[in-house]
C-alpha atoms as a PDB file:
ATOM      1  CA  UNK A   1      90.801  96.762 117.555  1.00  0.00           C
ATOM      2  CA  UNK A   2      90.234  98.660 120.784  1.00  0.00           C
ATOM      3  CA  UNK A   3      87.066 100.277 121.868  1.00  0.00           C
ATOM      4  CA  UNK A   4      86.876 103.731 122.832  1.00  0.00           C
ATOM      5  CA  UNK A   5      83.407 103.834 122.705  1.00  0.00           C
ATOM      6  CA  UNK A   6      80.656 102.327 120.990  1.00  0.00           C
ATOM      7  CA  UNK A   7      81.723 103.852 117.690  1.00  0.00           C
ATOM      8  CA  UNK A   8      85.210 104.604 117.891  1.00  0.00           C
ATOM      9  CA  UNK A   9      87.868 101.714 117.659  1.00  0.00           C
ATOM     10  CA  UNK A  10      91.467 102.221 117.488  1.00  0.00           C
ATOM     11  CA  UNK A  11      93.922  99.320 115.800  1.00  0.00           C
ATOM     12  CA  UNK A  12      96.662  98.040 117.730  1.00  0.00           C
ATOM     13  CA  UNK A  13     100.369  96.606 116.597  1.00  0.00           C
ATOM     14  CA  UNK A  14     103.184  95.107 117.667  1.00  0.00           C
ATOM     15  CA  UNK A  15     106.892  95.580 116.818  1.00  0.00           C
ATOM     16  CA  UNK A  16     108.475  91.843 115.418  1.00  0.00           C
ATOM     17  CA  UNK A  17     111.901  94.026 117.033  1.00  0.00           C
ATOM     18  CA  UNK A  18     110.135  93.561 120.730  1.00  0.00           C
ATOM     19  CA  UNK A  19     109.793  90.129 120.917  1.00  0.00           C
ATOM     20  CA  UNK A  20     113.163  88.558 122.367  1.00  0.00           C
ATOM     21  CA  UNK A  21     114.671  86.159 120.409  1.00  0.00           C
ATOM     22  CA  UNK A  22     116.564  87.381 117.512  1.00  0.00           C
ATOM     23  CA  UNK A  23     117.094  84.128 115.863  1.00  0.00           C
ATOM     24  CA  UNK A  24     115.356  84.547 112.088  1.00  0.00           C
ATOM     25  CA  UNK A  25     113.892  80.590 112.582  1.00  0.00           C
ATOM     26  CA  UNK A  26     111.793  82.598 115.358  1.00  0.00           C
ATOM     27  CA  UNK A  27     110.157  85.126 113.236  1.00  0.00           C
ATOM     28  CA  UNK A  28     107.047  82.822 112.067  1.00  0.00           C
ATOM     29  CA  UNK A  29     106.830  82.040 116.225  1.00  0.00           C
ATOM     30  CA  UNK A  30     106.744  86.097 116.396  1.00  0.00           C
ATOM     31  CA  UNK A  31     104.106  86.663 114.186  1.00  0.00           C
ATOM     32  CA  UNK A  32     101.727  83.831 115.228  1.00  0.00           C
ATOM     33  CA  UNK A  33     102.180  84.641 119.042  1.00  0.00           C
ATOM     34  CA  UNK A  34     101.451  88.600 118.291  1.00  0.00           C
ATOM     35  CA  UNK A  35      98.394  87.544 115.814  1.00  0.00           C
ATOM     36  CA  UNK A  36      97.036  84.931 119.011  1.00  0.00           C
ATOM     37  CA  UNK A  37      97.657  88.264 121.092  1.00  0.00           C
ATOM     38  CA  UNK A  38      94.922  89.813 119.451  1.00  0.00           C
ATOM     39  CA  UNK A  39      96.933  92.531 117.836  1.00  0.00           C
ATOM     40  CA  UNK A  40      95.993  93.710 113.840  1.00  0.00           C
ATOM     41  CA  UNK A  41      98.995  94.626 112.717  1.00  0.00           C
ATOM     42  CA  UNK A  42     102.671  94.271 112.915  1.00  0.00           C
ATOM     43  CA  UNK A  43     105.881  96.677 112.487  1.00  0.00           C
ATOM     44  CA  UNK A  44     108.241  94.697 110.418  1.00  0.00           C
ATOM     45  CA  UNK A  45     111.713  95.383 111.705  1.00  0.00           C
ATOM     46  CA  UNK A  46     114.679  94.918 108.970  1.00  0.00           C
ATOM     47  CA  UNK A  47     116.726  92.906 111.261  1.00  0.00           C
ATOM     48  CA  UNK A  48     114.342  90.260 111.767  1.00  0.00           C
ATOM     49  CA  UNK A  49     113.815  90.003 107.788  1.00  0.00           C
ATOM     50  CA  UNK A  50     117.722  89.699 107.799  1.00  0.00           C
ATOM     51  CA  UNK A  51     117.955  87.026 110.362  1.00  0.00           C
ATOM     52  CA  UNK A  52     114.658  85.252 108.467  1.00  0.00           C
ATOM     53  CA  UNK A  53     116.647  85.314 104.966  1.00  0.00           C
ATOM     54  CA  UNK A  54     119.101  83.035 106.601  1.00  0.00           C
ATOM     55  CA  UNK A  55     116.154  80.612 107.014  1.00  0.00           C
ATOM     56  CA  UNK A  56     114.496  81.321 103.737  1.00  0.00           C
ATOM     57  CA  UNK A  57     117.430  81.559 101.273  1.00  0.00           C
ATOM     58  CA  UNK A  58     119.861  79.162 103.167  1.00  0.00           C
ATOM     59  CA  UNK A  59     122.164  81.579 103.624  1.00  0.00           C
ATOM     60  CA  UNK A  60     123.188  85.339 105.008  1.00  0.00           C
ATOM     61  CA  UNK A  61     121.398  88.035 102.866  1.00  0.00           C
ATOM     62  CA  UNK A  62     123.403  91.149 102.694  1.00  0.00           C
ATOM     63  CA  UNK A  63     121.482  94.832 103.443  1.00  0.00           C
ATOM     64  CA  UNK A  64     121.755  95.962 100.015  1.00  0.00           C
ATOM     65  CA  UNK A  65     120.532  92.377  98.466  1.00  0.00           C
ATOM     66  CA  UNK A  66     116.948  94.128  97.898  1.00  0.00           C
ATOM     67  CA  UNK A  67     116.153  90.745  95.443  1.00  0.00           C
ATOM     68  CA  UNK A  68     116.686  88.394  97.673  1.00  0.00           C
ATOM     69  CA  UNK A  69     115.110  90.200 100.412  1.00  0.00           C
ATOM     70  CA  UNK A  70     111.997  90.880  98.688  1.00  0.00           C
ATOM     71  CA  UNK A  71     111.819  87.252  98.166  1.00  0.00           C
ATOM     72  CA  UNK A  72     112.423  86.842 101.544  1.00  0.00           C
ATOM     73  CA  UNK A  73     109.641  89.743 102.521  1.00  0.00           C
ATOM     74  CA  UNK A  74     106.697  87.961 100.128  1.00  0.00           C
ATOM     75  CA  UNK A  75     107.100  84.677 102.745  1.00  0.00           C
ATOM     76  CA  UNK A  76     106.712  86.967 105.481  1.00  0.00           C
ATOM     77  CA  UNK A  77     103.568  88.299 104.090  1.00  0.00           C
ATOM     78  CA  UNK A  78     102.379  84.637 103.272  1.00  0.00           C
ATOM     79  CA  UNK A  79     102.800  84.436 106.975  1.00  0.00           C
ATOM     80  CA  UNK A  80     101.052  87.561 107.980  1.00  0.00           C
ATOM     81  CA  UNK A  81      97.797  86.872 105.547  1.00  0.00           C
ATOM     82  CA  UNK A  82      97.648  83.609 106.871  1.00  0.00           C
ATOM     83  CA  UNK A  83      97.224  84.909 110.513  1.00  0.00           C
ATOM     84  CA  UNK A  84      95.281  87.873 109.541  1.00  0.00           C
ATOM     85  CA  UNK A  85      97.916  90.972 110.484  1.00  0.00           C
ATOM     86  CA  UNK A  86      98.436  93.847 108.316  1.00  0.00           C
ATOM     87  CA  UNK A  87     102.303  94.698 108.082  1.00  0.00           C
ATOM     88  CA  UNK A  88     101.749  98.159 109.257  1.00  0.00           C
ATOM     89  CA  UNK A  89     105.085  99.650 108.292  1.00  0.00           C
ATOM     90  CA  UNK A  90     108.689  98.597 107.590  1.00  0.00           C
ATOM     91  CA  UNK A  91     111.346  99.869 110.365  1.00  0.00           C
ATOM     92  CA  UNK A  92     113.884 101.335 110.982  1.00  0.00           C
ATOM     93  CA  UNK A  93     115.315 103.737 108.520  1.00  0.00           C
ATOM     94  CA  UNK A  94     117.712 105.349 109.952  1.00  0.00           C
ATOM     95  CA  UNK A  95     120.633 108.408 108.621  1.00  0.00           C
ATOM     96  CA  UNK A  96     118.386 109.478 105.813  1.00  0.00           C
ATOM     97  CA  UNK A  97     118.051 113.485 105.989  1.00  0.00           C
ATOM     98  CA  UNK A  98     120.868 116.185 105.917  1.00  0.00           C
ATOM     99  CA  UNK A  99     123.673 114.928 103.939  1.00  0.00           C
ATOM    100  CA  UNK A 100     125.709 117.208 101.557  1.00  0.00           C
ATOM    101  CA  UNK A 101     124.819 117.622  98.079  1.00  0.00           C
ATOM    102  CA  UNK A 102     125.915 115.293  95.527  1.00  0.00           C
ATOM    103  CA  UNK A 103     127.917 113.603  98.541  1.00  0.00           C
ATOM    104  CA  UNK A 104     128.397 109.889  98.636  1.00  0.00           C
ATOM    105  CA  UNK A 105     126.045 109.513 102.057  1.00  0.00           C
ATOM    106  CA  UNK A 106     123.442 111.550 100.638  1.00  0.00           C
ATOM    107  CA  UNK A 107     123.574 109.111  97.440  1.00  0.00           C
ATOM    108  CA  UNK A 108     123.387 106.009  99.638  1.00  0.00           C
ATOM    109  CA  UNK A 109     120.390 106.985 101.708  1.00  0.00           C
ATOM    110  CA  UNK A 110     118.509 107.690  98.423  1.00  0.00           C
ATOM    111  CA  UNK A 111     119.377 104.069  97.265  1.00  0.00           C
ATOM    112  CA  UNK A 112     118.919 102.556 100.689  1.00  0.00           C
ATOM    113  CA  UNK A 113     115.364 103.906 100.572  1.00  0.00           C
ATOM    114  CA  UNK A 114     114.429 103.211  97.086  1.00  0.00           C
ATOM    115  CA  UNK A 115     115.629  99.525  97.744  1.00  0.00           C
ATOM    116  CA  UNK A 116     113.853  99.316 101.473  1.00  0.00           C
ATOM    117  CA  UNK A 117     110.691 100.765  99.058  1.00  0.00           C
ATOM    118  CA  UNK A 118     110.852  97.860  96.867  1.00  0.00           C
ATOM    119  CA  UNK A 119     111.216  95.160 100.474  1.00  0.00           C
ATOM    120  CA  UNK A 120     107.924  97.176 101.358  1.00  0.00           C
ATOM    121  CA  UNK A 121     106.009  96.309  97.996  1.00  0.00           C
ATOM    122  CA  UNK A 122     106.899  92.851  98.514  1.00  0.00           C
ATOM    123  CA  UNK A 123     105.120  92.755 102.490  1.00  0.00           C
ATOM    124  CA  UNK A 124     102.558  94.902 101.322  1.00  0.00           C
ATOM    125  CA  UNK A 125     102.875  97.459 103.374  1.00  0.00           C
ATOM    126  CA  UNK A 126     102.869 101.164 102.203  1.00  0.00           C
ATOM    127  CA  UNK A 127     104.330 102.757 105.139  1.00  0.00           C
ATOM    128  CA  UNK A 128     108.425 103.245 106.083  1.00  0.00           C
ATOM    129  CA  UNK A 129     109.775 104.834 109.198  1.00  0.00           C
ATOM    130  CA  UNK A 130     112.459 107.345 109.070  1.00  0.00           C
ATOM    131  CA  UNK A 131     114.164 108.006 112.411  1.00  0.00           C
ATOM    132  CA  UNK A 132     115.122 111.880 112.449  1.00  0.00           C
ATOM    133  CA  UNK A 133     119.053 111.150 111.935  1.00  0.00           C
ATOM    134  CA  UNK A 134     121.705 110.920 114.707  1.00  0.00           C
ATOM    135  CA  UNK A 135     124.797 111.630 112.423  1.00  0.00           C
ATOM    136  CA  UNK A 136     127.169 114.387 113.923  1.00  0.00           C
ATOM    137  CA  UNK A 137     127.755 115.348 109.779  1.00  0.00           C
ATOM    138  CA  UNK A 138     124.500 116.684 108.596  1.00  0.00           C
ATOM    139  CA  UNK A 139     123.212 120.028 108.064  1.00  0.00           C
ATOM    140  CA  UNK A 140     121.506 121.994 110.775  1.00  0.00           C
ATOM    141  CA  UNK A 141     119.276 124.094 107.860  1.00  0.00           C
ATOM    142  CA  UNK A 142     115.741 122.905 108.617  1.00  0.00           C
ATOM    143  CA  UNK A 143     115.027 123.773 105.133  1.00  0.00           C
ATOM    144  CA  UNK A 144     117.133 121.492 103.571  1.00  0.00           C
ATOM    145  CA  UNK A 145     116.106 118.462 106.157  1.00  0.00           C
ATOM    146  CA  UNK A 146     112.514 119.290 105.023  1.00  0.00           C
ATOM    147  CA  UNK A 147     113.649 119.285 101.301  1.00  0.00           C
ATOM    148  CA  UNK A 148     115.683 115.787 101.544  1.00  0.00           C
ATOM    149  CA  UNK A 149     112.172 114.686 102.942  1.00  0.00           C
ATOM    150  CA  UNK A 150     110.168 116.085  99.956  1.00  0.00           C
ATOM    151  CA  UNK A 151     112.048 114.470  97.772  1.00  0.00           C
ATOM    152  CA  UNK A 152     111.853 111.072  99.008  1.00  0.00           C
ATOM    153  CA  UNK A 153     108.194 111.634  99.935  1.00  0.00           C
ATOM    154  CA  UNK A 154     107.572 112.770  95.636  1.00  0.00           C
ATOM    155  CA  UNK A 155     109.140 109.076  95.075  1.00  0.00           C
ATOM    156  CA  UNK A 156     107.251 107.424  97.376  1.00  0.00           C
ATOM    157  CA  UNK A 157     103.805 109.147  95.913  1.00  0.00           C
ATOM    158  CA  UNK A 158     104.318 107.218  92.496  1.00  0.00           C
ATOM    159  CA  UNK A 159     103.977 103.731  94.568  1.00  0.00           C
ATOM    160  CA  UNK A 160     101.635 105.100  96.711  1.00  0.00           C
ATOM    161  CA  UNK A 161     103.789 104.738 100.110  1.00  0.00           C
ATOM    162  CA  UNK A 162     103.783 107.150 103.260  1.00  0.00           C
ATOM    163  CA  UNK A 163     106.636 108.082 105.440  1.00  0.00           C
ATOM    164  CA  UNK A 164     106.159 108.142 109.235  1.00  0.00           C
ATOM    165  CA  UNK A 165     109.198 110.449 110.401  1.00  0.00           C
ATOM    166  CA  UNK A 166     110.081 109.929 114.294  1.00  0.00           C
ATOM    167  CA  UNK A 167     111.693 111.925 116.393  1.00  0.00           C
ATOM    168  CA  UNK A 168     114.296 110.119 118.008  1.00  0.00           C
ATOM    169  CA  UNK A 169     115.445 111.524 121.285  1.00  0.00           C
ATOM    170  CA  UNK A 170     119.172 111.327 120.676  1.00  0.00           C
ATOM    171  CA  UNK A 171     118.749 112.553 117.284  1.00  0.00           C
ATOM    172  CA  UNK A 172     121.424 115.824 115.729  1.00  0.00           C
ATOM    173  CA  UNK A 173     118.509 118.205 115.126  1.00  0.00           C
ATOM    174  CA  UNK A 174     115.122 116.638 115.288  1.00  0.00           C
ATOM    175  CA  UNK A 175     114.687 115.490 118.666  1.00  0.00           C
ATOM    176  CA  UNK A 176     111.390 116.717 119.697  1.00  0.00           C
ATOM    177  CA  UNK A 177     108.001 116.400 118.612  1.00  0.00           C
ATOM    178  CA  UNK A 178     108.001 119.825 117.975  1.00  0.00           C
ATOM    179  CA  UNK A 179     110.784 119.879 115.539  1.00  0.00           C
ATOM    180  CA  UNK A 180     109.486 116.892 113.358  1.00  0.00           C
ATOM    181  CA  UNK A 181     106.294 118.656 112.960  1.00  0.00           C
ATOM    182  CA  UNK A 182     107.804 121.965 111.744  1.00  0.00           C
ATOM    183  CA  UNK A 183     109.621 119.783 109.501  1.00  0.00           C
ATOM    184  CA  UNK A 184     106.348 118.025 108.455  1.00  0.00           C
ATOM    185  CA  UNK A 185     104.496 121.003 108.368  1.00  0.00           C
ATOM    186  CA  UNK A 186     107.124 122.782 106.090  1.00  0.00           C
ATOM    187  CA  UNK A 187     107.008 119.459 103.524  1.00  0.00           C
ATOM    188  CA  UNK A 188     103.219 119.922 103.192  1.00  0.00           C
ATOM    189  CA  UNK A 189     103.301 116.687 101.663  1.00  0.00           C
ATOM    190  CA  UNK A 190     100.542 114.255 102.060  1.00  0.00           C
ATOM    191  CA  UNK A 191     102.690 111.298 102.038  1.00  0.00           C
ATOM    192  CA  UNK A 192     104.729 112.288 104.767  1.00  0.00           C
ATOM    193  CA  UNK A 193     103.434 112.191 108.705  1.00  0.00           C
ATOM    194  CA  UNK A 194     104.318 111.522 112.055  1.00  0.00           C
ATOM    195  CA  UNK A 195     105.497 108.773 114.158  1.00  0.00           C
ATOM    196  CA  UNK A 196     105.379 109.525 117.577  1.00  0.00           C
ATOM    197  CA  UNK A 197     106.335 107.933 120.467  1.00  0.00           C
ATOM    198  CA  UNK A 198     105.247 108.143 124.237  1.00  0.00           C
ATOM    199  CA  UNK A 199     109.228 107.102 124.932  1.00  0.00           C
ATOM    200  CA  UNK A 200     111.721 109.511 122.372  1.00  0.00           C
ATOM    201  CA  UNK A 201     109.046 112.292 123.625  1.00  0.00           C
ATOM    202  CA  UNK A 202     108.969 111.582 127.260  1.00  0.00           C
ATOM    203  CA  UNK A 203     112.638 110.475 127.813  1.00  0.00           C
ATOM    204  CA  UNK A 204     113.494 113.643 126.558  1.00  0.00           C
ATOM    205  CA  UNK A 205     111.450 116.224 127.629  1.00  0.00           C
ATOM    206  CA  UNK A 206     111.287 115.004 131.369  1.00  0.00           C
ATOM    207  CA  UNK A 207     113.148 112.419 131.794  1.00  0.00           C
ATOM    208  CA  UNK A 208     117.142 111.736 132.037  1.00  0.00           C
ATOM    209  CA  UNK A 209     118.701 108.033 132.703  1.00  0.00           C
ATOM    210  CA  UNK A 210     121.790 109.927 133.680  1.00  0.00           C
ATOM    211  CA  UNK A 211     120.524 111.536 136.536  1.00  0.00           C
ATOM    212  CA  UNK A 212     119.810 109.680 139.913  1.00  0.00           C
ATOM    213  CA  UNK A 213     116.604 111.327 140.028  1.00  0.00           C
ATOM    214  CA  UNK A 214     115.730 109.886 136.825  1.00  0.00           C
ATOM    215  CA  UNK A 215     114.350 113.712 135.979  1.00  0.00           C
ATOM    216  CA  UNK A 216     115.840 116.490 133.960  1.00  0.00           C
ATOM    217  CA  UNK A 217     117.893 117.921 136.479  1.00  0.00           C
ATOM    218  CA  UNK A 218     118.202 121.886 136.713  1.00  0.00           C
ATOM    219  CA  UNK A 219     114.222 122.453 135.610  1.00  0.00           C
ATOM    220  CA  UNK A 220     112.409 124.250 138.356  1.00  0.00           C
ATOM    221  CA  UNK A 221     109.429 124.313 136.114  1.00  0.00           C
ATOM    222  CA  UNK A 222     109.882 120.655 134.463  1.00  0.00           C
ATOM    223  CA  UNK A 223     106.256 119.772 135.386  1.00  0.00           C
ATOM    224  CA  UNK A 224     105.029 122.877 133.985  1.00  0.00           C
ATOM    225  CA  UNK A 225     106.937 122.560 130.625  1.00  0.00           C
ATOM    226  CA  UNK A 226     106.117 119.154 130.093  1.00  0.00           C
ATOM    227  CA  UNK A 227     102.419 119.827 130.327  1.00  0.00           C
ATOM    228  CA  UNK A 228     102.749 122.796 128.397  1.00  0.00           C
ATOM    229  CA  UNK A 229     104.165 120.681 125.644  1.00  0.00           C
ATOM    230  CA  UNK A 230     101.368 117.946 125.956  1.00  0.00           C
ATOM    231  CA  UNK A 231      99.212 120.882 125.642  1.00  0.00           C
ATOM    232  CA  UNK A 232     100.767 122.278 122.385  1.00  0.00           C
ATOM    233  CA  UNK A 233     100.641 118.752 121.179  1.00  0.00           C
ATOM    234  CA  UNK A 234      96.771 118.378 121.551  1.00  0.00           C
ATOM    235  CA  UNK A 235      96.167 121.726 120.773  1.00  0.00           C
ATOM    236  CA  UNK A 236      98.669 121.948 117.050  1.00  0.00           C
ATOM    237  CA  UNK A 237      98.659 118.228 115.589  1.00  0.00           C
ATOM    238  CA  UNK A 238      96.323 117.522 112.880  1.00  0.00           C
ATOM    239  CA  UNK A 239      95.130 113.546 113.775  1.00  0.00           C
ATOM    240  CA  UNK A 240      95.535 113.142 109.810  1.00  0.00           C
ATOM    241  CA  UNK A 241      98.867 114.039 110.363  1.00  0.00           C
ATOM    242  CA  UNK A 242      99.864 111.153 113.417  1.00  0.00           C
ATOM    243  CA  UNK A 243     100.504 108.021 111.014  1.00  0.00           C
ATOM    244  CA  UNK A 244     100.911 106.185 114.118  1.00  0.00           C
ATOM    245  CA  UNK A 245     101.775 106.204 118.294  1.00  0.00           C
ATOM    246  CA  UNK A 246     104.387 103.619 119.136  1.00  0.00           C
ATOM    247  CA  UNK A 247     103.994 102.949 123.089  1.00  0.00           C
ATOM    248  CA  UNK A 248     106.495 101.496 125.473  1.00  0.00           C
ATOM    249  CA  UNK A 249     107.741 103.034 128.912  1.00  0.00           C
ATOM    250  CA  UNK A 250     111.552 103.203 130.658  1.00  0.00           C
ATOM    251  CA  UNK A 251     113.027 101.785 133.500  1.00  0.00           C
ATOM    252  CA  UNK A 252     114.492 104.362 135.932  1.00  0.00           C
ATOM    253  CA  UNK A 253     118.337 103.473 135.766  1.00  0.00           C
ATOM    254  CA  UNK A 254     119.980 102.991 138.917  1.00  0.00           C
ATOM    255  CA  UNK A 255     123.152 103.237 138.668  1.00  0.00           C
ATOM    256  CA  UNK A 256     122.366 106.038 135.979  1.00  0.00           C
ATOM    257  CA  UNK A 257     123.874 105.626 132.929  1.00  0.00           C
ATOM    258  CA  UNK A 258     126.999 107.643 131.921  1.00  0.00           C
ATOM    259  CA  UNK A 259     127.288 110.518 130.007  1.00  0.00           C
ATOM    260  CA  UNK A 260     129.541 109.513 127.536  1.00  0.00           C
ATOM    261  CA  UNK A 261     129.648 107.702 123.818  1.00  0.00           C
ATOM    262  CA  UNK A 262     129.875 104.228 125.398  1.00  0.00           C
ATOM    263  CA  UNK A 263     129.660 101.968 122.425  1.00  0.00           C
ATOM    264  CA  UNK A 264     129.473 105.021 119.999  1.00  0.00           C
ATOM    265  CA  UNK A 265     126.127 105.363 121.638  1.00  0.00           C
ATOM    266  CA  UNK A 266     124.861 108.360 123.560  1.00  0.00           C
ATOM    267  CA  UNK A 267     123.245 107.946 127.000  1.00  0.00           C
ATOM    268  CA  UNK A 268     119.407 108.087 125.324  1.00  0.00           C
ATOM    269  CA  UNK A 269     119.701 105.635 122.299  1.00  0.00           C
ATOM    270  CA  UNK A 270     121.294 102.958 125.436  1.00  0.00           C
ATOM    271  CA  UNK A 271     118.411 103.769 127.113  1.00  0.00           C
ATOM    272  CA  UNK A 272     116.097 103.410 124.166  1.00  0.00           C
ATOM    273  CA  UNK A 273     118.048 100.241 122.770  1.00  0.00           C
ATOM    274  CA  UNK A 274     117.600  98.138 126.410  1.00  0.00           C
ATOM    275  CA  UNK A 275     115.232  99.351 129.244  1.00  0.00           C
ATOM    276  CA  UNK A 276     111.880 100.258 127.423  1.00  0.00           C
ATOM    277  CA  UNK A 277     109.338  98.093 129.329  1.00  0.00           C
ATOM    278  CA  UNK A 278     105.701  97.392 128.576  1.00  0.00           C
ATOM    279  CA  UNK A 279     103.759 100.627 130.079  1.00  0.00           C
ATOM    280  CA  UNK A 280     103.108 100.382 133.663  1.00  0.00           C
ATOM    281  CA  UNK A 281     106.477  98.853 134.317  1.00  0.00           C
ATOM    282  CA  UNK A 282     108.733 101.902 134.208  1.00  0.00           C
ATOM    283  CA  UNK A 283     107.811 105.179 135.234  1.00  0.00           C
ATOM    284  CA  UNK A 284     107.704 107.513 132.232  1.00  0.00           C
ATOM    285  CA  UNK A 285     104.429 109.107 131.727  1.00  0.00           C
ATOM    286  CA  UNK A 286     102.903 107.169 129.321  1.00  0.00           C
ATOM    287  CA  UNK A 287      99.323 107.668 130.339  1.00  0.00           C
ATOM    288  CA  UNK A 288      99.871 111.258 129.779  1.00  0.00           C
ATOM    289  CA  UNK A 289     101.197 111.172 126.340  1.00  0.00           C
ATOM    290  CA  UNK A 290      98.542 108.709 125.445  1.00  0.00           C
ATOM    291  CA  UNK A 291      95.510 111.123 126.212  1.00  0.00           C
ATOM    292  CA  UNK A 292      97.186 113.992 124.964  1.00  0.00           C
ATOM    293  CA  UNK A 293      97.360 112.064 121.237  1.00  0.00           C
ATOM    294  CA  UNK A 294      93.843 111.375 122.049  1.00  0.00           C
ATOM    295  CA  UNK A 295      93.021 114.583 122.767  1.00  0.00           C
ATOM    296  CA  UNK A 296      93.920 115.634 118.809  1.00  0.00           C
ATOM    297  CA  UNK A 297      91.250 113.444 117.697  1.00  0.00           C
ATOM    298  CA  UNK A 298      93.562 110.702 116.812  1.00  0.00           C
ATOM    299  CA  UNK A 299      91.543 107.205 116.228  1.00  0.00           C
ATOM    300  CA  UNK A 300      94.840 105.799 114.321  1.00  0.00           C
ATOM    301  CA  UNK A 301      97.354 102.587 114.974  1.00  0.00           C
ATOM    302  CA  UNK A 302      98.800 102.300 118.329  1.00  0.00           C
ATOM    303  CA  UNK A 303     102.167 100.212 118.414  1.00  0.00           C
ATOM    304  CA  UNK A 304     103.784  98.538 121.251  1.00  0.00           C
ATOM    305  CA  UNK A 305     107.389  98.714 120.549  1.00  0.00           C
ATOM    306  CA  UNK A 306     109.323  97.671 123.680  1.00  0.00           C
ATOM    307  CA  UNK A 307     113.219  96.794 123.928  1.00  0.00           C
ATOM    308  CA  UNK A 308     113.464  95.486 127.716  1.00  0.00           C
ATOM    309  CA  UNK A 309     117.146  93.556 128.079  1.00  0.00           C
ATOM    310  CA  UNK A 310     115.491  91.943 131.257  1.00  0.00           C
ATOM    311  CA  UNK A 311     112.758  90.423 129.076  1.00  0.00           C
ATOM    312  CA  UNK A 312     115.833  88.952 127.110  1.00  0.00           C
ATOM    313  CA  UNK A 313     117.287  87.593 130.620  1.00  0.00           C
ATOM    314  CA  UNK A 314     113.781  85.696 130.863  1.00  0.00           C
ATOM    315  CA  UNK A 315     112.331  82.276 129.228  1.00  0.00           C
ATOM    316  CA  UNK A 316     111.680  83.739 126.443  1.00  0.00           C
ATOM    317  CA  UNK A 317     107.598  83.300 126.791  1.00  0.00           C
ATOM    318  CA  UNK A 318     106.599  84.559 123.324  1.00  0.00           C
ATOM    319  CA  UNK A 319     102.873  84.022 123.836  1.00  0.00           C
ATOM    320  CA  UNK A 320     102.925  85.155 127.553  1.00  0.00           C
ATOM    321  CA  UNK A 321     104.402  88.053 126.600  1.00  0.00           C
ATOM    322  CA  UNK A 322     102.639  89.353 123.760  1.00  0.00           C
ATOM    323  CA  UNK A 323      99.260  88.975 125.790  1.00  0.00           C
ATOM    324  CA  UNK A 324     100.674  90.912 128.731  1.00  0.00           C
ATOM    325  CA  UNK A 325     101.391  93.303 125.995  1.00  0.00           C
ATOM    326  CA  UNK A 326      98.090  93.524 125.122  1.00  0.00           C
ATOM    327  CA  UNK A 327      96.472  92.978 128.468  1.00  0.00           C
ATOM    328  CA  UNK A 328      98.858  96.483 129.190  1.00  0.00           C
ATOM    329  CA  UNK A 329      97.994  97.967 126.766  1.00  0.00           C
ATOM    330  CA  UNK A 330      94.228  98.083 126.756  1.00  0.00           C
ATOM    331  CA  UNK A 331      94.452  98.842 130.422  1.00  0.00           C
ATOM    332  CA  UNK A 332      96.323 102.271 129.741  1.00  0.00           C
ATOM    333  CA  UNK A 333      93.886 103.035 126.683  1.00  0.00           C
ATOM    334  CA  UNK A 334      90.986 102.552 129.145  1.00  0.00           C
ATOM    335  CA  UNK A 335      92.686 104.887 131.940  1.00  0.00           C
ATOM    336  CA  UNK A 336      94.151 107.734 129.402  1.00  0.00           C
ATOM    337  CA  UNK A 337      90.578 107.719 127.563  1.00  0.00           C
ATOM    338  CA  UNK A 338      88.982 109.222 130.912  1.00  0.00           C
END
């Protein structure tokens, strides 16, 4: 727990996908490194669970083999329990909302969500992260996007589960915190809240990986627009509807990323997946965003979710990296709380 004051402390988490190794054999080492650095919990990434499944089950586990994945999840839970770590949530669940009624895609989305719920039960977590859909084939109708999340929230409520809805900054129709808040507000379900993210907001409203300056260009009032967004966030969002805040920075791209769909991914998606270091190692206004969130009265989970391809080129010292992550998080919180 990080102390904000004598009476207020904030729990901290680290995403398993943020450590360099993708080997399933390394997952117990990841968990130990996270615990040894002083984090209170983890975001458990499904790709890590699938890789660890090869070790536990002795063979590759299919993504939709939820019975086997639940067995693997129980093994993870035994490790996290021994280490004193809480499994904060299972992530990242993509492309859920907005599909055409009675379509194969919509049926698949709900089937996947219920399968993931089975895995959640095995891990002991009560929260699923859903990223706002980046499919070009979904509806732009906010009422329908909302209705899909309401329907899932009603299903999850029977298990005491929650949904943390995140604005992915390259998503189709809900790329900003305002857009996801509009959907969550309309839904008006206690099980549905926000997963805010320093990168996902600053990386769209303030920064641009395809620009030489690293900033949104052609916006003469960029700084004012950004400050207005932060002020609106602080005055608008109820702290209890912020289920967690994910923290990372971003590298200024030199040369800038091409404004194309290389590998089937838009620039901000590629930026997100490889160029998000620990806070202070990039150029985003991370402290400003954290300060705006704290001004709401939020005292919930702060979770480090970084994706740094430069670190992957190093020696992969997970113990040192998680300790540096905790040091940078403490420094960030102290500076933002002034």
